[in-house]
Amino acid sequence: MQAAEKSTPLMALDDVISLAKADMAGVDALIASSLASDVPLVSQVSEYIVMSGGKRLRPLIVLLASRALGYTGDQHRRAAAIVEFIHTATLLHDDVVDSSDRRRGRDSANAVFGNQASVLVGDFLYSRAFQMMVDIDDMRVMRILADATNTIASGEVMQLMNVHDPDVNEEAYRQVIYRKTARLFEAGAQLSAVLANAGEATEASMIDYGRHLGCAFQLVDDALDFDASPEELGKNLGDDLAEGKPTLPLIYAMQQGSAADREMIRQAIVDGGLQQLPKIQSIIESTGALQYTAARAQEAADLAIDALADLPDSDHKQALIAIAEFAVRRRS
């Protein structure tokens, strides 16, 4: 990170949101109109999850990055809405696969409407997203989003294969979080460069920004699963362990812990469930696994910020920097 950027006071998240307020209002209006369906249950489930108060970081990145690159049109709003629809579709499907009953601090859509409705409405959102891609009428935009959607799906399958496998290493874990989380951040940032006709070098920088930011976000998410209250987290504490997911805090704790510690964590991953959660939290704390995960997240956030070095300075650039810092400081 450049010294000049380090000395600049960090923009508050409220200021970041305010900077994109007009554009986000346009995105919200587009989302609302695009959720309309002559099948009442489709609209009901879609609105329940889309309007449930999520952070909207992915569309926010599309909006801010487009303006930071000098884009003056309005197709970035459509691109942002598409990214949000793809993300929401993955949430609907994820909660069914993971049998989750909490999302964003309230009952998940599958807990309220059932698994069948959640899967089918997720499909509706995917297909609506592709309809909206056609409206942008740019083959590169469609290719980026189609490739990203395919990568996300493959990441979900990879994660499914890793469930209950205590031998998953950090490299394999990172492959999963890139595919299932960071890839959509990356696609959103890349779209901004494509819409702004920013050139290959800038497009590569935006890809780097989105990829590293997405990795930082997921690393923090996985650490919070062992170090936050359910109210902060918006879901049940220890959900990853209950589902047998070998995330980085568990992987590192197994590497650094005693033989007995390793065996306890291995068995918890194999079996799933939360019977040993307090003991495993203690092992995670004593081995420094949360600090290790936080350090890897900070490294990723710093790389995201470094990727913005050649962008002309502006409030929108500073907002992108602030989002990277927020990603590693958040508690939910």
Protein backbone atom coordinates (compact mmCIF):
# COMPACT_ATOMS: atom_id res chain seq x y z
CA MET A 1 0.00 0.00 0.00
CA GLN A 2 1.31 3.45 -0.84
CA ALA A 3 2.34 5.71 2.04
CA ALA A 4 0.00 8.46 0.85
CA GLU A 5 -2.94 6.10 1.11
CA LYS A 6 -1.91 4.91 4.55
CA SER A 7 -1.88 8.50 5.83
CA THR A 8 -5.35 9.24 4.43
CA PRO A 9 -8.06 8.97 7.12
CA LEU A 10 -10.16 5.90 6.50
CA MET A 11 -13.64 6.63 5.19
CA ALA A 12 -16.39 5.50 7.55
CA LEU A 13 -18.69 2.75 6.28
CA ASP A 14 -21.71 5.05 6.61
CA ASP A 15 -19.94 7.53 4.30
CA VAL A 16 -19.21 4.73 1.84
CA ILE A 17 -22.88 3.79 1.76
CA SER A 18 -23.90 7.44 1.46
CA LEU A 19 -21.55 7.91 -1.50
CA ALA A 20 -23.39 5.19 -3.41
CA LYS A 21 -26.85 6.08 -2.11
CA ALA A 22 -28.33 7.31 -5.40
CA ASP A 23 -26.92 4.40 -7.38
CA MET A 24 -28.04 1.89 -4.76
CA ALA A 25 -31.54 3.32 -4.81
CA GLY A 26 -31.56 2.64 -8.53
CA VAL A 27 -30.39 -0.92 -7.90
CA ASP A 28 -33.09 -1.46 -5.27
CA ALA A 29 -35.77 -0.22 -7.68
CA LEU A 30 -34.46 -2.52 -10.40
CA ILE A 31 -34.39 -5.47 -8.00
CA ALA A 32 -37.96 -4.78 -6.86
CA SER A 33 -39.29 -4.61 -10.43
CA SER A 34 -37.31 -7.71 -11.48
CA LEU A 35 -38.74 -9.79 -8.64
CA ALA A 36 -42.24 -9.38 -9.99
CA SER A 37 -43.79 -12.68 -11.03
CA ASP A 38 -47.27 -13.96 -11.84
CA VAL A 39 -46.52 -16.83 -9.43
CA PRO A 40 -47.10 -15.36 -5.94
CA LEU A 41 -44.76 -17.76 -4.11
CA VAL A 42 -41.86 -16.75 -6.35
CA SER A 43 -42.22 -13.10 -5.40
CA GLN A 44 -42.84 -13.93 -1.74
CA VAL A 45 -39.71 -16.07 -1.29
CA SER A 46 -37.55 -13.78 -3.44
CA GLU A 47 -38.52 -10.70 -1.49
CA TYR A 48 -38.03 -12.50 1.83
CA ILE A 49 -34.37 -13.24 1.12
CA VAL A 50 -33.38 -10.32 -1.15
CA MET A 51 -34.93 -7.69 1.10
CA SER A 52 -33.69 -9.27 4.35
CA GLY A 53 -31.16 -6.57 5.16
CA GLY A 54 -27.91 -8.06 3.88
CA LYS A 55 -24.81 -5.91 3.54
CA ARG A 56 -25.10 -5.69 -0.26
CA LEU A 57 -21.29 -5.51 -0.48
CA ARG A 58 -21.13 -7.21 -3.86
CA PRO A 59 -23.40 -4.77 -5.70
CA LEU A 60 -21.82 -1.91 -3.74
CA ILE A 61 -18.42 -2.84 -5.15
CA VAL A 62 -19.80 -2.81 -8.71
CA LEU A 63 -21.26 0.66 -8.17
CA LEU A 64 -18.24 2.22 -6.47
CA ALA A 65 -15.66 0.66 -8.77
CA SER A 66 -17.55 1.79 -11.88
CA ARG A 67 -17.62 5.38 -10.63
CA ALA A 68 -13.96 5.17 -9.53
CA LEU A 69 -13.10 4.25 -13.12
CA GLY A 70 -15.03 7.20 -14.53
CA TYR A 71 -18.13 5.37 -15.76
CA THR A 72 -21.01 7.79 -16.34
CA GLY A 73 -23.76 5.49 -17.63
CA ASP A 74 -26.34 3.50 -15.70
CA GLN A 75 -25.74 -0.10 -16.77
CA HIS A 76 -23.59 -0.60 -13.68
CA ARG A 77 -26.82 -0.57 -11.70
CA ARG A 78 -28.14 -3.47 -13.75
CA ALA A 79 -24.83 -5.29 -13.35
CA ALA A 80 -24.98 -4.73 -9.59
CA ALA A 81 -28.53 -6.13 -9.43
CA ILE A 82 -27.46 -9.19 -11.42
CA VAL A 83 -24.59 -9.84 -9.01
CA GLU A 84 -26.99 -9.56 -6.07
CA PHE A 85 -29.43 -12.00 -7.69
CA ILE A 86 -26.68 -14.55 -8.32
CA HIS A 87 -25.49 -14.19 -4.73
CA THR A 88 -29.02 -14.56 -3.38
CA ALA A 89 -29.64 -17.67 -5.49
CA THR A 90 -26.52 -19.26 -4.02
CA LEU A 91 -27.74 -18.44 -0.48
CA LEU A 92 -31.08 -20.12 -1.12
CA HIS A 93 -29.38 -23.24 -2.44
CA ASP A 94 -26.66 -23.22 0.25
CA ASP A 95 -29.16 -23.16 3.08
CA VAL A 96 -30.93 -26.19 1.66
CA VAL A 97 -27.67 -28.11 1.14
CA ASP A 98 -26.44 -27.18 4.63
CA SER A 99 -29.85 -27.63 6.32
CA SER A 100 -29.40 -24.13 7.77
CA ASP A 101 -32.26 -22.62 9.73
CA ARG A 102 -30.81 -19.12 10.29
CA ARG A 103 -29.70 -16.49 7.80
CA ARG A 104 -28.98 -12.79 8.44
CA GLY A 105 -30.35 -12.99 11.96
CA ARG A 106 -33.72 -14.57 11.18
CA ASP A 107 -35.23 -17.83 9.96
CA SER A 108 -33.76 -18.91 6.63
CA ALA A 109 -36.05 -19.07 3.60
CA ASN A 110 -36.00 -22.87 3.57
CA ALA A 111 -37.04 -22.92 7.24
CA VAL A 112 -40.01 -20.67 6.43
CA PHE A 113 -41.08 -21.87 2.99
CA GLY A 114 -39.52 -25.32 2.73
CA ASN A 115 -36.62 -26.76 0.75
CA GLN A 116 -38.52 -27.23 -2.48
CA ALA A 117 -39.61 -23.61 -2.70
CA SER A 118 -36.12 -22.37 -1.82
CA VAL A 119 -34.42 -24.43 -4.53
CA LEU A 120 -36.93 -23.50 -7.20
CA VAL A 121 -36.92 -19.79 -6.34
CA GLY A 122 -33.12 -19.91 -6.38
CA ASP A 123 -33.42 -21.24 -9.92
CA PHE A 124 -35.82 -18.39 -10.73
CA LEU A 125 -33.28 -15.82 -9.52
CA TYR A 126 -30.50 -17.41 -11.58
CA SER A 127 -32.65 -17.34 -14.70
CA ARG A 128 -33.78 -13.77 -14.01
CA ALA A 129 -30.14 -12.76 -13.66
CA PHE A 130 -29.41 -14.18 -17.10
CA GLN A 131 -32.38 -12.34 -18.59
CA MET A 132 -30.96 -9.11 -17.17
CA MET A 133 -27.51 -9.92 -18.61
CA VAL A 134 -29.08 -10.03 -22.07
CA ASP A 135 -30.55 -6.58 -21.44
CA ILE A 136 -27.04 -5.16 -20.97
CA ASP A 137 -26.28 -6.49 -24.48
CA ASP A 138 -22.53 -6.94 -23.99
CA MET A 139 -21.02 -10.33 -24.76
CA ARG A 140 -18.08 -9.80 -22.39
CA VAL A 141 -20.43 -9.03 -19.51
CA MET A 142 -22.40 -12.19 -20.22
CA ARG A 143 -19.24 -14.29 -20.47
CA ILE A 144 -17.83 -12.96 -17.17
CA LEU A 145 -21.05 -13.63 -15.29
CA ALA A 146 -21.69 -17.00 -16.93
CA ASP A 147 -18.16 -18.15 -16.09
CA ALA A 148 -18.47 -16.84 -12.54
CA THR A 149 -21.76 -18.65 -12.00
CA ASN A 150 -20.26 -21.89 -13.24
CA THR A 151 -17.21 -21.48 -11.00
CA ILE A 152 -19.41 -20.81 -7.97
CA ALA A 153 -21.37 -23.99 -8.65
CA SER A 154 -18.16 -26.02 -8.94
CA GLY A 155 -16.97 -24.48 -5.66
CA GLU A 156 -20.13 -25.61 -3.92
CA VAL A 157 -19.55 -29.14 -5.19
CA MET A 158 -15.91 -29.01 -4.01
CA GLN A 159 -17.07 -27.90 -0.57
CA LEU A 160 -19.59 -30.74 -0.49
CA MET A 161 -16.79 -33.20 -1.29
CA ASN A 162 -14.70 -31.75 1.56
CA VAL A 163 -17.45 -32.06 4.18
CA HIS A 164 -16.52 -34.52 6.95
CA ASP A 165 -12.97 -34.78 5.57
CA PRO A 166 -10.44 -33.82 8.29
CA ASP A 167 -7.52 -34.18 5.88
CA VAL A 168 -8.42 -31.11 3.81
CA ASN A 169 -5.37 -28.81 3.79
CA GLU A 170 -5.14 -25.03 3.55
CA GLU A 171 -4.56 -25.05 -0.20
CA ALA A 172 -7.71 -27.10 -0.84
CA TYR A 173 -9.65 -24.86 1.54
CA ARG A 174 -8.47 -21.77 -0.33
CA GLN A 175 -9.60 -23.28 -3.62
CA VAL A 176 -13.10 -23.62 -2.21
CA ILE A 177 -13.34 -20.10 -0.80
CA TYR A 178 -12.05 -18.63 -4.06
CA ARG A 179 -14.63 -20.46 -6.12
CA LYS A 180 -17.69 -20.18 -3.87
CA THR A 181 -17.11 -16.65 -2.51
CA ALA A 182 -14.27 -14.65 -4.01
CA ARG A 183 -15.16 -15.42 -7.64
CA LEU A 184 -18.33 -13.33 -7.51
CA PHE A 185 -16.50 -10.41 -5.86
CA GLU A 186 -13.92 -10.72 -8.63
CA ALA A 187 -16.56 -10.77 -11.36
CA GLY A 188 -18.31 -7.70 -9.96
CA ALA A 189 -15.10 -5.69 -9.85
CA GLN A 190 -14.15 -6.85 -13.35
CA LEU A 191 -17.55 -5.82 -14.72
CA SER A 192 -16.89 -2.26 -13.60
CA ALA A 193 -13.72 -2.13 -15.70
CA VAL A 194 -15.49 -3.64 -18.72
CA LEU A 195 -18.39 -1.18 -18.52
CA ALA A 196 -15.94 1.73 -18.16
CA ASN A 197 -13.76 0.51 -21.06
CA ALA A 198 -10.85 0.87 -18.67
CA GLY A 199 -8.28 -1.21 -20.55
CA GLU A 200 -6.57 -4.53 -19.87
CA ALA A 201 -4.19 -3.36 -17.13
CA THR A 202 -6.94 -1.72 -15.10
CA GLU A 203 -9.24 -4.68 -15.65
CA ALA A 204 -6.53 -6.99 -14.29
CA SER A 205 -6.16 -4.73 -11.25
CA MET A 206 -9.88 -4.82 -10.58
CA ILE A 207 -9.89 -8.61 -10.87
CA ASP A 208 -7.12 -8.71 -8.27
CA TYR A 209 -9.03 -6.33 -6.01
CA GLY A 210 -12.21 -8.39 -6.11
CA ARG A 211 -10.46 -11.73 -5.69
CA HIS A 212 -8.40 -10.68 -2.67
CA LEU A 213 -11.32 -8.84 -1.09
CA GLY A 214 -13.56 -11.87 -1.44
CA CYS A 215 -10.95 -14.12 0.13
CA ALA A 216 -10.51 -11.71 3.05
CA PHE A 217 -14.28 -11.59 3.56
CA GLN A 218 -14.64 -15.39 3.68
CA LEU A 219 -11.63 -15.88 5.94
CA VAL A 220 -13.16 -13.49 8.47
CA ASP A 221 -16.54 -15.20 8.09
CA ASP A 222 -15.00 -18.56 8.93
CA ALA A 223 -13.19 -17.13 11.97
CA LEU A 224 -16.39 -15.50 13.24
CA ASP A 225 -18.07 -18.90 13.24
CA PHE A 226 -16.00 -19.65 16.35
CA ASP A 227 -15.68 -16.15 17.79
CA ALA A 228 -18.96 -14.24 17.63
CA SER A 229 -22.34 -14.29 19.28
CA PRO A 230 -25.30 -15.63 17.27
CA GLU A 231 -26.69 -12.09 17.28
CA GLU A 232 -23.52 -10.72 15.70
CA LEU A 233 -23.13 -13.62 13.30
CA GLY A 234 -26.72 -13.70 12.08
CA LYS A 235 -26.68 -17.50 12.21
CA ASN A 236 -25.95 -20.20 14.76
CA LEU A 237 -22.46 -20.24 16.27
CA GLY A 238 -20.43 -23.26 15.14
CA ASP A 239 -22.56 -23.94 12.05
CA ASP A 240 -19.48 -24.86 10.00
CA LEU A 241 -18.35 -27.41 12.56
CA ALA A 242 -21.89 -28.78 12.91
CA GLU A 243 -21.89 -29.38 9.15
CA GLY A 244 -18.45 -31.00 9.20
CA LYS A 245 -16.78 -28.25 7.19
CA PRO A 246 -12.97 -28.09 7.64
CA THR A 247 -12.38 -24.32 7.66
CA LEU A 248 -9.04 -22.60 8.25
CA PRO A 249 -9.36 -22.16 12.04
CA LEU A 250 -9.89 -25.93 12.35
CA ILE A 251 -7.16 -26.81 9.84
CA TYR A 252 -4.61 -24.62 11.63
CA ALA A 253 -5.65 -25.79 15.10
CA MET A 254 -5.10 -29.39 14.02
CA GLN A 255 -1.64 -28.50 12.72
CA GLN A 256 -0.60 -26.71 15.92
CA GLY A 257 -2.44 -28.65 18.61
CA SER A 258 -1.46 -31.73 20.56
CA ALA A 259 -2.23 -35.24 19.36
CA ALA A 260 -5.30 -35.27 21.59
CA ASP A 261 -6.41 -31.88 20.23
CA ARG A 262 -6.00 -33.11 16.65
CA GLU A 263 -7.99 -36.24 17.31
CA MET A 264 -10.83 -34.31 18.94
CA ILE A 265 -11.12 -31.89 16.00
CA ARG A 266 -10.76 -34.67 13.42
CA GLN A 267 -13.56 -36.63 15.04
CA ALA A 268 -15.78 -33.54 15.27
CA ILE A 269 -15.31 -32.90 11.54
CA VAL A 270 -16.03 -36.53 10.68
CA ASP A 271 -19.12 -36.71 12.89
CA GLY A 272 -20.46 -33.17 12.59
CA GLY A 273 -22.43 -31.77 15.49
CA LEU A 274 -21.54 -29.41 18.31
CA GLN A 275 -21.04 -31.74 21.26
CA GLN A 276 -17.39 -30.69 21.63
CA LEU A 277 -17.77 -27.05 20.53
CA PRO A 278 -16.59 -25.40 23.82
CA LYS A 279 -13.50 -27.61 23.96
CA ILE A 280 -12.73 -27.03 20.30
CA GLN A 281 -13.14 -23.27 20.74
CA SER A 282 -10.59 -23.52 23.55
CA ILE A 283 -8.17 -25.40 21.29
CA ILE A 284 -8.65 -22.87 18.52
CA GLU A 285 -7.88 -20.08 20.98
CA SER A 286 -4.84 -21.76 22.55
CA THR A 287 -3.25 -22.61 19.19
CA GLY A 288 -3.65 -19.08 17.83
CA ALA A 289 -5.86 -20.31 14.99
CA LEU A 290 -8.08 -17.24 15.02
CA GLN A 291 -5.06 -14.93 14.97
CA TYR A 292 -3.59 -16.93 12.09
CA THR A 293 -6.85 -16.72 10.14
CA ALA A 294 -7.13 -12.99 10.87
CA ALA A 295 -3.56 -12.44 9.66
CA ARG A 296 -4.29 -14.24 6.38
CA ALA A 297 -7.43 -12.12 5.99
CA GLN A 298 -5.42 -8.93 6.58
CA GLU A 299 -2.86 -10.03 3.99
CA ALA A 300 -5.65 -10.53 1.48
CA ALA A 301 -7.19 -7.14 2.29
CA ASP A 302 -3.80 -5.44 1.89
CA LEU A 303 -3.38 -7.09 -1.53
CA ALA A 304 -6.84 -5.84 -2.50
CA ILE A 305 -5.89 -2.30 -1.51
CA ASP A 306 -2.56 -2.56 -3.33
CA ALA A 307 -4.43 -3.50 -6.50
CA LEU A 308 -6.05 -0.04 -6.49
CA ALA A 309 -2.70 1.80 -6.47
CA ASP A 310 -2.87 2.98 -10.08
CA LEU A 311 -6.46 4.21 -9.95
CA PRO A 312 -6.77 8.00 -9.86
CA ASP A 313 -7.53 9.22 -6.36
CA SER A 314 -11.20 9.93 -5.67
CA ASP A 315 -13.81 9.45 -2.99
CA HIS A 316 -14.93 6.31 -4.80
CA LYS A 317 -11.42 4.85 -4.67
CA GLN A 318 -11.19 5.67 -0.97
CA ALA A 319 -14.53 3.94 -0.49
CA LEU A 320 -13.16 0.77 -2.12
CA ILE A 321 -10.19 0.91 0.26
CA ALA A 322 -12.53 1.38 3.21
CA ILE A 323 -14.54 -1.69 2.18
CA ALA A 324 -11.36 -3.80 2.21
CA GLU A 325 -10.57 -2.58 5.71
CA PHE A 326 -14.14 -3.14 6.84
CA ALA A 327 -13.99 -6.73 5.55
CA VAL A 328 -11.34 -7.60 8.15
CA ARG A 329 -12.72 -5.52 11.03
CA ARG A 330 -16.36 -6.59 10.91
CA ARG A 331 -18.08 -8.63 13.59
CA SER A 332 -20.96 -9.92 11.46
